[in-house]
Amino acid sequence: MAAERTVGFLQDIPVEVVVELGRARMTIRELASLERDDVVELAKGSDEPVELVVGGRVLARGEIVMGKDGLALRIVEVIGEQPGRSAG
């Protein structure tokens, strides 16, 4: 309980949340030649879950859905602590 009170203020600190749709590997030449309407293929299928990343760590996986004001993420899996890794 004391630990919860000690770090409770941390819960209100904003953090950047990234929803990663996929990745691609390109050369600088390919990047420099990108133009409007070009398509960059991602190394992930459109039916695969996307990842919710905070601080470089995957915290959850989900699917892209339409929200009230645009795209949103529906969480389908919360990633637990990996074996052999501590929470702190």
N, C-alpha and C. Protein backbone atom coordinates (compact mmCIF):
# COMPACT_ATOMS: atom_id res chain seq x y z
N MET A 1 0.80 -1.20 0.00
CA MET A 1 0.00 0.00 0.00
C MET A 1 0.84 1.26 0.00
N ALA A 2 1.92 1.26 0.79
CA ALA A 2 2.78 2.45 0.86
C ALA A 2 3.41 2.74 -0.49
N ALA A 3 3.79 1.70 -1.20
CA ALA A 3 4.39 1.89 -2.52
C ALA A 3 3.38 2.51 -3.48
N GLU A 4 2.13 2.11 -3.39
CA GLU A 4 1.09 2.67 -4.26
C GLU A 4 0.93 4.16 -4.00
N ARG A 5 0.96 4.57 -2.75
CA ARG A 5 0.84 5.99 -2.42
C ARG A 5 2.07 6.76 -2.85
N THR A 6 3.24 6.14 -2.74
CA THR A 6 4.49 6.81 -3.10
C THR A 6 4.56 7.11 -4.59
N VAL A 7 4.13 6.18 -5.44
CA VAL A 7 4.24 6.38 -6.88
C VAL A 7 2.90 6.73 -7.53
N GLY A 8 1.86 6.92 -6.74
CA GLY A 8 0.54 7.23 -7.29
C GLY A 8 0.52 8.48 -8.16
N PHE A 9 1.35 9.47 -7.82
CA PHE A 9 1.39 10.70 -8.62
C PHE A 9 1.89 10.44 -10.04
N LEU A 10 2.61 9.36 -10.25
CA LEU A 10 3.13 9.03 -11.58
C LEU A 10 2.01 8.69 -12.56
N GLN A 11 0.87 8.28 -12.06
CA GLN A 11 -0.23 7.87 -12.93
C GLN A 11 -0.78 9.02 -13.77
N ASP A 12 -0.53 10.25 -13.40
CA ASP A 12 -1.05 11.40 -14.14
C ASP A 12 -0.03 12.01 -15.09
N ILE A 13 1.14 11.40 -15.21
CA ILE A 13 2.15 11.92 -16.13
C ILE A 13 1.84 11.44 -17.54
N PRO A 14 1.71 12.37 -18.50
CA PRO A 14 1.41 11.96 -19.87
C PRO A 14 2.61 11.27 -20.52
N VAL A 15 2.34 10.25 -21.31
CA VAL A 15 3.38 9.55 -22.06
C VAL A 15 2.93 9.44 -23.52
N GLU A 16 3.89 9.34 -24.42
CA GLU A 16 3.57 9.18 -25.84
C GLU A 16 3.23 7.73 -26.11
N VAL A 17 2.09 7.52 -26.75
CA VAL A 17 1.63 6.19 -27.11
C VAL A 17 1.69 6.08 -28.63
N VAL A 18 2.32 5.03 -29.12
CA VAL A 18 2.48 4.82 -30.56
C VAL A 18 1.70 3.58 -30.96
N VAL A 19 0.92 3.67 -32.02
CA VAL A 19 0.26 2.51 -32.60
C VAL A 19 1.02 2.18 -33.86
N GLU A 20 1.71 1.05 -33.83
CA GLU A 20 2.58 0.68 -34.95
C GLU A 20 1.84 -0.26 -35.89
N LEU A 21 1.59 0.24 -37.10
CA LEU A 21 0.90 -0.56 -38.10
C LEU A 21 1.82 -1.59 -38.75
N GLY A 22 3.08 -1.27 -38.88
CA GLY A 22 4.04 -2.16 -39.50
C GLY A 22 5.32 -1.41 -39.79
N ARG A 23 6.29 -2.10 -40.34
CA ARG A 23 7.58 -1.50 -40.64
C ARG A 23 7.99 -1.84 -42.06
N ALA A 24 8.87 -1.02 -42.59
CA ALA A 24 9.43 -1.26 -43.91
C ALA A 24 10.90 -0.89 -43.88
N ARG A 25 11.70 -1.56 -44.67
CA ARG A 25 13.12 -1.24 -44.77
C ARG A 25 13.34 -0.65 -46.17
N MET A 26 13.93 0.55 -46.18
CA MET A 26 14.17 1.24 -47.45
C MET A 26 15.55 1.86 -47.42
N THR A 27 16.08 2.08 -48.61
CA THR A 27 17.35 2.81 -48.71
C THR A 27 17.06 4.31 -48.69
N ILE A 28 18.08 5.09 -48.44
CA ILE A 28 17.93 6.55 -48.48
C ILE A 28 17.47 6.97 -49.87
N ARG A 29 17.99 6.34 -50.90
CA ARG A 29 17.59 6.65 -52.27
C ARG A 29 16.09 6.44 -52.47
N GLU A 30 15.56 5.31 -51.94
CA GLU A 30 14.13 5.03 -52.07
C GLU A 30 13.31 6.05 -51.28
N LEU A 31 13.77 6.41 -50.09
CA LEU A 31 13.07 7.43 -49.30
C LEU A 31 13.02 8.77 -50.03
N ALA A 32 14.16 9.16 -50.58
CA ALA A 32 14.26 10.45 -51.26
C ALA A 32 13.39 10.51 -52.52
N SER A 33 13.11 9.35 -53.10
CA SER A 33 12.34 9.35 -54.34
C SER A 33 10.84 9.22 -54.11
N LEU A 34 10.39 9.14 -52.87
CA LEU A 34 8.96 9.02 -52.60
C LEU A 34 8.21 10.26 -53.08
N GLU A 35 7.07 10.01 -53.70
CA GLU A 35 6.21 11.09 -54.18
C GLU A 35 4.79 10.84 -53.73
N ARG A 36 3.98 11.85 -53.89
CA ARG A 36 2.57 11.74 -53.55
C ARG A 36 1.95 10.54 -54.28
N ASP A 37 1.12 9.79 -53.58
CA ASP A 37 0.41 8.61 -54.07
C ASP A 37 1.29 7.36 -54.17
N ASP A 38 2.58 7.45 -53.83
CA ASP A 38 3.40 6.24 -53.77
C ASP A 38 2.89 5.38 -52.61
N VAL A 39 3.11 4.09 -52.71
CA VAL A 39 2.69 3.15 -51.68
C VAL A 39 3.93 2.50 -51.08
N VAL A 40 4.03 2.52 -49.76
CA VAL A 40 5.12 1.86 -49.05
C VAL A 40 4.55 0.58 -48.45
N GLU A 41 5.04 -0.55 -48.92
CA GLU A 41 4.58 -1.85 -48.42
C GLU A 41 5.14 -2.10 -47.03
N LEU A 42 4.27 -2.52 -46.13
CA LEU A 42 4.69 -2.82 -44.76
C LEU A 42 4.90 -4.32 -44.60
N ALA A 43 5.82 -4.68 -43.71
CA ALA A 43 6.14 -6.09 -43.49
C ALA A 43 5.16 -6.69 -42.49
N LYS A 44 3.87 -6.47 -42.73
CA LYS A 44 2.84 -7.02 -41.86
C LYS A 44 1.57 -7.11 -42.68
N GLY A 45 0.86 -8.21 -42.55
CA GLY A 45 -0.38 -8.38 -43.29
C GLY A 45 -1.48 -7.50 -42.74
N SER A 46 -2.44 -7.15 -43.58
CA SER A 46 -3.53 -6.27 -43.15
C SER A 46 -4.45 -6.95 -42.14
N ASP A 47 -4.36 -8.28 -42.02
CA ASP A 47 -5.20 -8.99 -41.06
C ASP A 47 -4.48 -9.26 -39.74
N GLU A 48 -3.21 -8.84 -39.63
CA GLU A 48 -2.45 -9.04 -38.40
C GLU A 48 -2.72 -7.91 -37.42
N PRO A 49 -2.66 -8.19 -36.10
CA PRO A 49 -2.88 -7.13 -35.12
C PRO A 49 -1.78 -6.07 -35.17
N VAL A 50 -2.16 -4.85 -34.84
CA VAL A 50 -1.18 -3.77 -34.74
C VAL A 50 -0.75 -3.67 -33.28
N GLU A 51 0.37 -2.99 -33.01
CA GLU A 51 0.92 -2.96 -31.67
C GLU A 51 0.80 -1.57 -31.04
N LEU A 52 0.48 -1.54 -29.76
CA LEU A 52 0.46 -0.33 -28.96
C LEU A 52 1.78 -0.29 -28.21
N VAL A 53 2.59 0.73 -28.49
CA VAL A 53 3.95 0.80 -27.97
C VAL A 53 4.11 2.04 -27.09
N VAL A 54 4.67 1.86 -25.91
CA VAL A 54 4.98 2.97 -25.00
C VAL A 54 6.41 2.78 -24.52
N GLY A 55 7.23 3.79 -24.69
CA GLY A 55 8.62 3.71 -24.26
C GLY A 55 9.38 2.58 -24.93
N GLY A 56 9.05 2.29 -26.18
CA GLY A 56 9.74 1.24 -26.91
C GLY A 56 9.28 -0.17 -26.57
N ARG A 57 8.30 -0.31 -25.69
CA ARG A 57 7.79 -1.62 -25.28
C ARG A 57 6.37 -1.83 -25.78
N VAL A 58 6.10 -3.02 -26.31
CA VAL A 58 4.75 -3.36 -26.73
C VAL A 58 3.93 -3.66 -25.49
N LEU A 59 2.85 -2.89 -25.30
CA LEU A 59 1.98 -3.09 -24.13
C LEU A 59 0.71 -3.83 -24.49
N ALA A 60 0.29 -3.71 -25.76
CA ALA A 60 -0.95 -4.37 -26.16
C ALA A 60 -0.96 -4.54 -27.68
N ARG A 61 -1.86 -5.39 -28.13
CA ARG A 61 -2.09 -5.57 -29.57
C ARG A 61 -3.58 -5.35 -29.82
N GLY A 62 -3.89 -4.91 -31.02
CA GLY A 62 -5.29 -4.64 -31.31
C GLY A 62 -5.56 -4.53 -32.78
N GLU A 63 -6.75 -4.03 -33.08
CA GLU A 63 -7.16 -3.86 -34.47
C GLU A 63 -7.64 -2.44 -34.68
N ILE A 64 -7.41 -1.95 -35.88
CA ILE A 64 -7.83 -0.59 -36.23
C ILE A 64 -9.33 -0.59 -36.50
N VAL A 65 -10.04 0.34 -35.88
CA VAL A 65 -11.48 0.49 -36.07
C VAL A 65 -11.78 1.97 -36.28
N MET A 66 -13.00 2.28 -36.70
CA MET A 66 -13.42 3.66 -36.82
C MET A 66 -13.95 4.13 -35.47
N GLY A 67 -13.37 5.23 -34.97
CA GLY A 67 -13.84 5.83 -33.73
C GLY A 67 -14.77 6.98 -34.03
N LYS A 68 -15.11 7.77 -33.00
CA LYS A 68 -16.00 8.92 -33.19
C LYS A 68 -15.41 9.94 -34.15
N ASP A 69 -14.10 10.20 -33.99
CA ASP A 69 -13.46 11.27 -34.76
C ASP A 69 -12.43 10.77 -35.76
N GLY A 70 -12.44 9.50 -36.08
CA GLY A 70 -11.45 8.95 -37.01
C GLY A 70 -11.02 7.56 -36.59
N LEU A 71 -9.80 7.22 -36.94
CA LEU A 71 -9.29 5.89 -36.63
C LEU A 71 -9.05 5.72 -35.15
N ALA A 72 -9.22 4.49 -34.68
CA ALA A 72 -9.02 4.16 -33.27
C ALA A 72 -8.44 2.75 -33.18
N LEU A 73 -8.00 2.38 -31.99
CA LEU A 73 -7.45 1.05 -31.76
C LEU A 73 -8.32 0.31 -30.76
N ARG A 74 -8.81 -0.87 -31.15
CA ARG A 74 -9.55 -1.74 -30.23
C ARG A 74 -8.54 -2.75 -29.68
N ILE A 75 -8.33 -2.75 -28.38
CA ILE A 75 -7.38 -3.65 -27.75
C ILE A 75 -7.95 -5.07 -27.75
N VAL A 76 -7.18 -6.02 -28.27
CA VAL A 76 -7.61 -7.42 -28.27
C VAL A 76 -6.71 -8.29 -27.40
N GLU A 77 -5.54 -7.76 -27.03
CA GLU A 77 -4.62 -8.52 -26.18
C GLU A 77 -3.74 -7.54 -25.40
N VAL A 78 -3.69 -7.72 -24.09
CA VAL A 78 -2.78 -6.95 -23.25
C VAL A 78 -1.58 -7.85 -22.99
N ILE A 79 -0.39 -7.32 -23.25
CA ILE A 79 0.83 -8.11 -23.12
C ILE A 79 1.25 -8.11 -21.66
N GLY A 80 1.42 -9.30 -21.08
CA GLY A 80 1.86 -9.43 -19.71
C GLY A 80 3.37 -9.29 -19.62
N GLU A 81 3.87 -9.26 -18.41
CA GLU A 81 5.32 -9.18 -18.18
C GLU A 81 5.97 -10.42 -18.76
N GLN A 82 7.05 -10.22 -19.52
CA GLN A 82 7.77 -11.34 -20.13
C GLN A 82 8.54 -12.11 -19.07
N PRO A 83 8.58 -13.44 -19.16
CA PRO A 83 9.32 -14.22 -18.18
C PRO A 83 10.78 -13.77 -18.12
N GLY A 84 11.32 -13.70 -16.89
CA GLY A 84 12.71 -13.33 -16.72
C GLY A 84 12.96 -11.84 -16.68
N ARG A 85 11.92 -11.03 -16.83
CA ARG A 85 12.06 -9.58 -16.80
C ARG A 85 11.31 -9.05 -15.60
N SER A 86 11.90 -8.08 -14.94
CA SER A 86 11.24 -7.49 -13.78
C SER A 86 10.44 -6.28 -14.21
N ALA A 87 9.48 -5.89 -13.40
CA ALA A 87 8.62 -4.76 -13.72
C ALA A 87 9.32 -3.43 -13.46
N GLY A 88 10.40 -3.41 -12.78
CA GLY A 88 11.01 -2.13 -12.42
C GLY A 88 12.35 -2.01 -12.94
